[in-house]
Amino acid sequence: MMRWVAVIAMVLAFALVTPSPALAAPPPYYPPIDYVPASRANYDIGRTAAITTIVIHETDGTWLSATNWFQNRNSRVSAHYLVRAWDGGIMQFVAEGDTAYHARAANPWSIGIEHEYSARYGIPHTYAQYRSSALLVCAIARRYGIPTDRAHIVGHNELRGTDHSDPGPTWNWNYYMSLVNACSWQRAQPVARAALRTVANQAYVPSPGLEFDNASDEVLLLQWDLAFLGFIDSEEVAGGGSRFGPLTEEAVTRFQHSHVLPPTGSYDDLTASALVQALRAAPADLPVTDLEMEAESDDVAMVQTALQKLGYMDTVTGYYGEITLDAVSSFQQDSGIYATGAYGAITRMALAARLHPPVAREPADGEVELMRVGSVAFSILPY
């Protein structure tokens, strides 16, 4: 009897010190991660619910202070991950298969990602941190089938029953979600990577048949077309996840009003024809042909000039090399476009929308016209 008790005790001890499978064998598509275990007093072994949500936190302190706090057995606080500010380094404290103490009632069904940030110590959120965190979120979402939208990627302050205010106003949700959208596992599916369906001989206008709740590259092209024409804000498109939601429906309706079409809000044949005519009347001054690595032409120089104006590259050579590939990729990530590094219809219209103010137009009855002065938008009520 005593021998069996000893064996059981040894098995339990081994279970407590052995990392869970989620920590021991992360999938190969995860970004590089360092592991520093949190105090065993600061998390529970296992889960009592399926993982459905990713929670974004801010540390309000330094990387070192957060690390020490998670390893302090008296803190009763932890997170699964911590993303460093200056270089985007990722450290894991709790296995995904275990329950970190980061979000109270949401702990059983969420994964917590802390981000080093402190106004007191002058530690800002950085592009490296945003990009690294987005890659981690995309990997987690892919692993558990979590939709990469704002209903499932939430701030600590957005959880029910919380008294926390992080992430605060300096956290750029639009930019962050554009990065998540660019690397999203959903966008990486073969169906989403199929050839872009466009109007015949009009590679910058999507084929008709788009409606509410669709999510595709065709929707994203439509959104950037409408942004170029001034019917939807570019920042909303960049963070929208290629989904035909209320803002897109409103923009399509406004476009239909302005062209005396039935205001259905759906992108039908009549609307597609009107969009072709609108873009012919106000053409984007950018190449219509697709471009990729090793191309060399005046069209490449034109794209490079556009990227230079937007601050993505320094020189114009006319040759599509690694520097141009990186510049296009960075622009695509910032614009919610799948970051292939190749120049195509969606990238063309996103560049055009970013470079030029919306085309002047007459507002429809009861419609609010959007006028831009520099980068500031003003609403003008049609009295």
Protein backbone atom coordinates (compact mmCIF):
# COMPACT_ATOMS: atom_id res chain seq x y z
CA MET A 1 0.00 0.00 0.00
CA MET A 2 2.77 2.43 0.93
CA ARG A 3 4.55 1.57 -2.33
CA TRP A 4 1.49 2.58 -4.36
CA VAL A 5 1.19 5.83 -2.40
CA ALA A 6 4.84 6.60 -3.21
CA VAL A 7 4.31 5.84 -6.91
CA ILE A 8 1.25 8.07 -7.07
CA ALA A 9 3.16 10.86 -5.31
CA MET A 10 6.00 10.58 -7.85
CA VAL A 11 3.55 10.75 -10.78
CA LEU A 12 1.86 13.84 -9.36
CA ALA A 13 5.21 15.53 -8.77
CA PHE A 14 6.30 14.78 -12.33
CA ALA A 15 3.00 16.20 -13.67
CA LEU A 16 3.58 19.44 -11.79
CA VAL A 17 7.04 20.06 -13.20
CA THR A 18 6.46 18.80 -16.75
CA PRO A 19 5.44 21.52 -19.20
CA SER A 20 2.09 21.08 -20.89
CA PRO A 21 2.03 19.96 -24.54
CA ALA A 22 0.96 23.47 -25.60
CA LEU A 23 4.25 24.81 -24.24
CA ALA A 24 6.50 21.89 -25.08
CA ALA A 25 5.66 21.74 -28.79
CA PRO A 26 4.46 25.04 -30.27
CA PRO A 27 3.48 24.75 -33.94
CA PRO A 28 6.19 25.74 -36.43
CA TYR A 29 4.23 28.80 -37.61
CA TYR A 30 4.65 30.54 -34.20
CA PRO A 31 7.14 33.44 -34.01
CA PRO A 32 10.31 33.01 -31.88
CA ILE A 33 9.46 32.84 -28.18
CA ASP A 34 11.56 32.66 -25.01
CA TYR A 35 10.14 30.79 -22.02
CA VAL A 36 10.41 32.00 -18.41
CA PRO A 37 7.92 30.21 -16.11
CA ALA A 38 5.63 32.22 -13.90
CA SER A 39 5.35 31.23 -10.26
CA ARG A 40 3.19 28.13 -9.89
CA ALA A 41 1.03 30.16 -7.48
CA ASN A 42 0.05 32.52 -10.29
CA TYR A 43 -1.81 30.19 -12.67
CA ASP A 44 -3.93 27.04 -12.73
CA ILE A 45 -2.95 23.84 -14.50
CA GLY A 46 -5.27 23.05 -17.42
CA ARG A 47 -8.44 24.71 -18.71
CA THR A 48 -12.10 24.52 -17.80
CA ALA A 49 -13.32 26.03 -21.09
CA ALA A 50 -12.30 26.17 -24.76
CA ILE A 51 -10.01 29.03 -25.80
CA THR A 52 -12.07 31.55 -27.75
CA THR A 53 -10.59 35.00 -27.01
CA ILE A 54 -7.26 36.83 -27.01
CA VAL A 55 -6.92 39.66 -24.48
CA ILE A 56 -4.58 42.62 -25.05
CA HIS A 57 -2.93 44.14 -21.95
CA GLU A 58 -0.47 46.93 -21.14
CA THR A 59 2.05 46.53 -18.31
CA ASP A 60 2.16 50.16 -17.04
CA GLY A 61 5.76 49.37 -16.16
CA THR A 62 8.99 47.96 -17.53
CA TRP A 63 9.66 44.56 -19.06
CA LEU A 64 11.77 43.63 -16.04
CA SER A 65 9.16 44.69 -13.49
CA ALA A 66 6.48 42.64 -15.27
CA THR A 67 8.76 39.61 -15.39
CA ASN A 68 9.50 39.92 -11.67
CA TRP A 69 5.81 40.37 -10.87
CA PHE A 70 4.79 37.21 -12.74
CA GLN A 71 7.49 35.24 -10.91
CA ASN A 72 6.49 36.59 -7.50
CA ARG A 73 4.33 33.93 -5.85
CA ASN A 74 2.52 36.59 -3.79
CA SER A 75 1.33 38.62 -6.76
CA ARG A 76 -1.33 36.11 -7.89
CA VAL A 77 -1.01 37.64 -11.38
CA SER A 78 0.36 36.33 -14.67
CA ALA A 79 -0.13 36.42 -18.43
CA HIS A 80 0.61 33.87 -21.09
CA TYR A 81 2.88 36.23 -23.03
CA LEU A 82 4.76 39.52 -22.72
CA VAL A 83 5.88 41.50 -25.79
CA ARG A 84 8.86 43.83 -25.33
CA ALA A 85 8.60 47.41 -26.59
CA TRP A 86 11.90 48.22 -28.26
CA ASP A 87 12.38 45.10 -30.41
CA GLY A 88 9.15 43.10 -30.14
CA GLY A 89 10.78 40.19 -28.28
CA ILE A 90 8.21 37.68 -26.97
CA MET A 91 8.44 35.89 -23.63
CA GLN A 92 6.05 33.16 -22.51
CA PHE A 93 5.22 32.69 -18.82
CA VAL A 94 2.27 30.30 -18.86
CA ALA A 95 1.47 27.49 -21.30
CA GLU A 96 -1.55 28.17 -23.49
CA GLY A 97 -3.10 24.98 -22.15
CA ASP A 98 -2.97 26.41 -18.62
CA THR A 99 -5.05 29.22 -17.09
CA ALA A 100 -3.13 32.44 -16.43
CA TYR A 101 -4.46 34.96 -13.90
CA HIS A 102 -4.89 37.97 -16.17
CA ALA A 103 -8.57 38.69 -16.77
CA ARG A 104 -10.63 37.38 -13.83
CA ALA A 105 -13.84 35.73 -15.11
CA ALA A 106 -12.42 35.51 -18.64
CA ASN A 107 -9.34 33.53 -17.56
CA PRO A 108 -10.71 30.06 -18.42
CA TRP A 109 -11.43 30.85 -22.08
CA SER A 110 -8.82 33.46 -22.98
CA ILE A 111 -5.11 33.93 -23.67
CA GLY A 112 -3.52 37.06 -22.21
CA ILE A 113 -0.80 39.04 -24.00
CA GLU A 114 0.91 41.81 -22.03
CA HIS A 115 2.67 44.63 -23.87
CA GLU A 116 5.49 46.57 -22.27
CA TYR A 117 4.36 50.20 -21.96
CA SER A 118 4.88 52.99 -19.46
CA ALA A 119 4.16 56.70 -19.83
CA ARG A 120 6.09 57.34 -16.59
CA TYR A 121 9.27 55.73 -17.86
CA GLY A 122 8.92 56.91 -21.46
CA ILE A 123 8.32 53.42 -22.91
CA PRO A 124 6.00 53.73 -25.93
CA HIS A 125 4.36 51.14 -28.12
CA THR A 126 6.59 50.59 -31.16
CA TYR A 127 6.10 49.29 -34.68
CA ALA A 128 8.29 46.29 -33.77
CA GLN A 129 6.04 45.51 -30.81
CA TYR A 130 2.84 45.82 -32.84
CA ARG A 131 4.17 43.61 -35.64
CA SER A 132 5.52 40.94 -33.30
CA SER A 133 2.30 40.85 -31.27
CA ALA A 134 0.20 40.61 -34.45
CA LEU A 135 2.22 37.61 -35.63
CA LEU A 136 1.68 35.95 -32.26
CA VAL A 137 -2.07 36.67 -32.35
CA CYS A 138 -2.34 35.25 -35.88
CA ALA A 139 -0.53 32.08 -34.80
CA ILE A 140 -2.77 31.64 -31.74
CA ALA A 141 -5.90 32.30 -33.79
CA ARG A 142 -4.82 29.77 -36.41
CA ARG A 143 -4.12 27.14 -33.75
CA TYR A 144 -7.50 27.40 -32.04
CA GLY A 145 -9.69 28.55 -34.95
CA ILE A 146 -10.34 31.94 -33.34
CA PRO A 147 -11.82 34.55 -35.73
CA THR A 148 -9.38 37.43 -36.17
CA ASP A 149 -11.84 40.23 -35.46
CA ARG A 150 -12.52 42.71 -32.65
CA ALA A 151 -15.15 40.46 -31.15
CA HIS A 152 -12.45 37.88 -30.34
CA ILE A 153 -9.34 40.07 -29.99
CA VAL A 154 -10.24 42.45 -27.18
CA GLY A 155 -8.71 44.88 -24.72
CA HIS A 156 -8.59 44.14 -21.01
CA ASN A 157 -10.80 47.19 -20.53
CA GLU A 158 -13.47 45.72 -22.82
CA LEU A 159 -14.16 42.63 -20.71
CA ARG A 160 -17.32 42.55 -18.67
CA GLY A 161 -16.81 43.21 -14.97
CA THR A 162 -13.26 44.57 -15.25
CA ASP A 163 -11.92 47.62 -13.43
CA HIS A 164 -8.85 47.96 -15.68
CA SER A 165 -8.36 50.66 -18.32
CA ASP A 166 -5.65 49.00 -20.43
CA PRO A 167 -4.86 49.24 -23.24
CA GLY A 168 -5.14 53.01 -22.99
CA PRO A 169 -5.61 55.67 -25.68
CA THR A 170 -2.07 55.32 -27.06
CA TRP A 171 -2.80 51.76 -28.21
CA ASN A 172 -3.55 52.01 -31.96
CA TRP A 173 -6.28 49.46 -32.60
CA ASN A 174 -6.67 50.40 -36.28
CA TYR A 175 -3.01 49.87 -37.04
CA TYR A 176 -2.82 46.70 -34.92
CA MET A 177 -5.83 45.08 -36.54
CA SER A 178 -4.51 45.95 -40.00
CA LEU A 179 -1.40 43.91 -39.14
CA VAL A 180 -3.52 41.07 -37.75
CA ASN A 181 -5.66 41.15 -40.88
CA ALA A 182 -2.56 40.94 -43.07
CA CYS A 183 -1.24 37.78 -41.41
CA SER A 184 -4.60 36.28 -40.47
CA TRP A 185 -4.93 32.51 -40.78
CA GLN A 186 -8.35 33.09 -42.38
CA ARG A 187 -6.82 35.20 -45.15
CA ALA A 188 -4.18 32.50 -45.66
CA GLN A 189 -6.69 29.86 -46.67
CA PRO A 190 -6.49 28.79 -50.35
CA VAL A 191 -9.98 30.10 -51.13
CA ALA A 192 -8.89 33.55 -49.98
CA ARG A 193 -5.75 33.37 -52.11
CA ALA A 194 -7.54 32.56 -55.35
CA ALA A 195 -7.30 34.95 -58.31
CA LEU A 196 -8.98 38.30 -57.69
CA ARG A 197 -12.31 38.44 -59.50
CA THR A 198 -12.70 41.75 -61.35
CA VAL A 199 -14.77 43.35 -64.09
CA ALA A 200 -13.50 42.39 -67.55
CA ASN A 201 -10.68 44.68 -68.67
CA GLN A 202 -11.02 46.68 -65.45
CA ALA A 203 -8.55 45.05 -63.06
CA TYR A 204 -9.13 47.68 -60.38
CA VAL A 205 -12.92 47.14 -60.11
CA PRO A 206 -14.24 43.96 -58.39
CA SER A 207 -16.87 41.78 -60.00
CA PRO A 208 -20.44 42.46 -58.85
CA GLY A 209 -22.26 40.22 -56.39
CA LEU A 210 -20.86 41.46 -53.07
CA GLU A 211 -23.19 42.04 -50.14
CA PHE A 212 -23.39 42.42 -46.38
CA ASP A 213 -21.22 40.05 -44.32
CA ASN A 214 -19.06 38.92 -47.25
CA ALA A 215 -15.32 38.83 -46.46
CA SER A 216 -12.88 38.58 -49.36
CA ASP A 217 -10.18 40.35 -51.33
CA GLU A 218 -12.92 41.55 -53.69
CA VAL A 219 -14.55 43.36 -50.76
CA LEU A 220 -11.19 44.93 -49.87
CA LEU A 221 -10.71 46.16 -53.45
CA LEU A 222 -14.21 47.64 -53.41
CA GLN A 223 -13.45 49.40 -50.13
CA TRP A 224 -10.22 50.94 -51.45
CA ASP A 225 -12.02 52.04 -54.65
CA LEU A 226 -14.63 53.79 -52.53
CA ALA A 227 -11.92 55.27 -50.29
CA PHE A 228 -10.20 56.75 -53.36
CA LEU A 229 -13.50 58.30 -54.43
CA GLY A 230 -14.15 59.68 -50.94
CA PHE A 231 -17.05 57.48 -49.82
CA ILE A 232 -15.27 55.74 -46.93
CA ASP A 233 -12.31 56.64 -44.72
CA SER A 234 -8.97 54.98 -45.51
CA GLU A 235 -8.26 54.20 -41.86
CA GLU A 236 -11.56 52.34 -41.57
CA VAL A 237 -10.62 50.25 -44.61
CA ALA A 238 -7.14 49.45 -43.24
CA GLY A 239 -8.57 48.11 -39.99
CA GLY A 240 -11.75 46.58 -41.34
CA GLY A 241 -10.61 43.03 -42.04
CA SER A 242 -11.92 42.92 -45.67
CA ARG A 243 -15.46 42.50 -44.36
CA PHE A 244 -18.57 43.98 -45.97
CA GLY A 245 -19.96 45.49 -42.78
CA PRO A 246 -22.13 48.51 -41.92
CA LEU A 247 -19.51 51.08 -43.00
CA THR A 248 -19.10 49.46 -46.41
CA GLU A 249 -22.85 49.14 -46.84
CA GLU A 250 -23.22 52.83 -45.99
CA ALA A 251 -20.43 53.78 -48.42
CA VAL A 252 -21.99 51.75 -51.24
CA THR A 253 -25.38 53.33 -50.53
CA ARG A 254 -23.85 56.80 -50.66
CA PHE A 255 -22.14 55.95 -53.93
CA GLN A 256 -25.43 54.68 -55.34
CA HIS A 257 -27.21 57.86 -54.24
CA SER A 258 -24.59 59.99 -55.97
CA HIS A 259 -25.05 58.07 -59.24
CA VAL A 260 -28.87 57.97 -59.07
CA LEU A 261 -28.97 54.20 -58.56
CA PRO A 262 -31.33 52.20 -56.33
CA PRO A 263 -29.79 52.63 -52.83
CA THR A 264 -29.70 48.93 -51.95
CA GLY A 265 -26.32 48.97 -50.18
CA SER A 266 -25.34 45.83 -52.11
CA TYR A 267 -22.69 45.83 -54.82
CA ASP A 268 -24.65 44.75 -57.89
CA ASP A 269 -24.17 44.98 -61.67
CA LEU A 270 -25.43 48.56 -61.95
CA THR A 271 -23.15 49.69 -59.12
CA ALA A 272 -20.14 47.95 -60.67
CA SER A 273 -20.77 49.70 -64.01
CA ALA A 274 -21.09 53.06 -62.27
CA LEU A 275 -17.87 52.40 -60.34
CA VAL A 276 -16.02 51.70 -63.60
CA GLN A 277 -17.24 55.02 -65.01
CA ALA A 278 -16.36 56.92 -61.82
CA LEU A 279 -12.81 55.60 -61.78
CA ARG A 280 -12.38 56.26 -65.51
CA ALA A 281 -13.45 59.86 -64.90
CA ALA A 282 -10.94 60.26 -62.05
CA PRO A 283 -8.16 57.77 -62.83
CA ALA A 284 -5.51 56.88 -60.28
CA ASP A 285 -2.09 57.97 -61.51
CA LEU A 286 -0.52 54.56 -60.90
CA PRO A 287 0.26 51.49 -63.06
CA VAL A 288 -2.66 49.20 -63.88
CA THR A 289 -0.45 46.18 -64.61
CA ASP A 290 0.67 43.83 -61.83
CA LEU A 291 4.34 44.03 -60.79
CA GLU A 292 6.60 41.72 -58.78
CA MET A 293 10.23 40.89 -58.01
CA GLU A 294 12.83 41.48 -60.75
CA ALA A 295 10.56 43.68 -62.88
CA GLU A 296 12.32 46.74 -64.29
CA SER A 297 10.31 49.52 -65.94
CA ASP A 298 8.88 53.02 -65.67
CA ASP A 299 5.86 51.45 -63.97
CA VAL A 300 8.12 50.19 -61.16
CA ALA A 301 9.59 53.68 -60.82
CA MET A 302 6.07 55.11 -60.56
CA VAL A 303 5.18 52.72 -57.73
CA GLN A 304 8.48 53.47 -55.98
CA THR A 305 7.77 57.20 -56.24
CA ALA A 306 4.39 56.68 -54.59
CA LEU A 307 5.97 54.63 -51.79
CA GLN A 308 8.66 57.28 -51.38
CA LYS A 309 6.04 60.02 -50.95
CA LEU A 310 4.39 57.94 -48.23
CA GLY A 311 7.70 57.34 -46.43
CA TYR A 312 8.16 53.64 -47.24
CA MET A 313 11.38 53.90 -49.27
CA ASP A 314 14.15 56.38 -49.98
CA THR A 315 15.24 55.89 -53.58
CA VAL A 316 13.61 55.40 -56.99
CA THR A 317 15.51 52.99 -59.26
CA GLY A 318 12.93 51.45 -61.58
CA TYR A 319 14.04 47.98 -60.44
CA TYR A 320 11.77 45.78 -58.28
CA GLY A 321 14.28 44.29 -55.84
CA GLU A 322 14.32 43.37 -52.15
CA ILE A 323 14.02 46.99 -51.02
CA THR A 324 10.89 47.53 -53.10
CA LEU A 325 9.48 44.18 -51.96
CA ASP A 326 9.95 45.17 -48.32
CA ALA A 327 8.44 48.61 -48.91
CA VAL A 328 5.37 47.17 -50.64
CA SER A 329 4.99 44.54 -47.88
CA SER A 330 5.15 47.19 -45.16
CA PHE A 331 2.58 49.33 -46.96
CA GLN A 332 0.31 46.32 -47.41
CA GLN A 333 0.51 45.43 -43.72
CA ASP A 334 -0.34 49.00 -42.75
CA SER A 335 -3.27 48.98 -45.17
CA GLY A 336 -4.88 45.68 -44.16
CA ILE A 337 -3.73 43.92 -47.35
CA TYR A 338 -2.29 40.40 -47.37
CA ALA A 339 1.45 41.15 -47.37
CA THR A 340 2.73 39.38 -50.47
CA GLY A 341 5.13 42.16 -51.45
CA ALA A 342 3.72 42.06 -55.01
CA TYR A 343 1.96 45.05 -56.56
CA GLY A 344 -1.59 44.42 -57.74
CA ALA A 345 -5.04 45.98 -57.99
CA ILE A 346 -5.72 46.26 -54.26
CA THR A 347 -2.31 47.77 -53.51
CA ARG A 348 -2.77 50.16 -56.44
CA MET A 349 -6.05 51.56 -55.13
CA ALA A 350 -4.79 51.69 -51.54
CA LEU A 351 -1.76 53.73 -52.71
CA ALA A 352 -4.04 55.98 -54.73
CA ALA A 353 -6.35 56.56 -51.78
CA ARG A 354 -3.44 57.33 -49.47
CA LEU A 355 -1.78 59.70 -51.95
CA HIS A 356 -4.72 61.78 -53.12
CA PRO A 357 -7.63 63.51 -51.41
CA PRO A 358 -11.11 62.23 -52.26
CA VAL A 359 -12.64 63.49 -55.50
CA ALA A 360 -14.95 66.48 -54.99
CA ARG A 361 -18.61 65.56 -55.39
CA GLU A 362 -22.09 66.76 -54.62
CA PRO A 363 -23.69 65.11 -51.56
CA ALA A 364 -26.99 63.30 -52.01
CA ASP A 365 -30.08 64.55 -50.19
CA GLY A 366 -29.59 64.25 -46.47
CA GLU A 367 -26.03 63.02 -46.92
CA VAL A 368 -22.97 64.28 -45.05
CA GLU A 369 -20.17 65.31 -47.38
CA LEU A 370 -16.60 64.52 -46.35
CA MET A 371 -14.08 67.25 -47.11
CA ARG A 372 -10.35 66.90 -46.47
CA VAL A 373 -7.89 69.62 -45.64
CA GLY A 374 -4.48 67.99 -45.40
CA SER A 375 -5.03 64.84 -43.35
CA VAL A 376 -7.96 66.23 -41.33
CA ALA A 377 -11.52 65.31 -42.26
CA PHE A 378 -14.46 67.66 -41.68
CA SER A 379 -18.13 66.85 -41.99
CA ILE A 380 -20.22 69.42 -43.89
CA LEU A 381 -23.95 69.18 -43.28
CA PRO A 382 -26.07 69.95 -46.39
CA TYR A 383 -28.28 72.69 -44.94
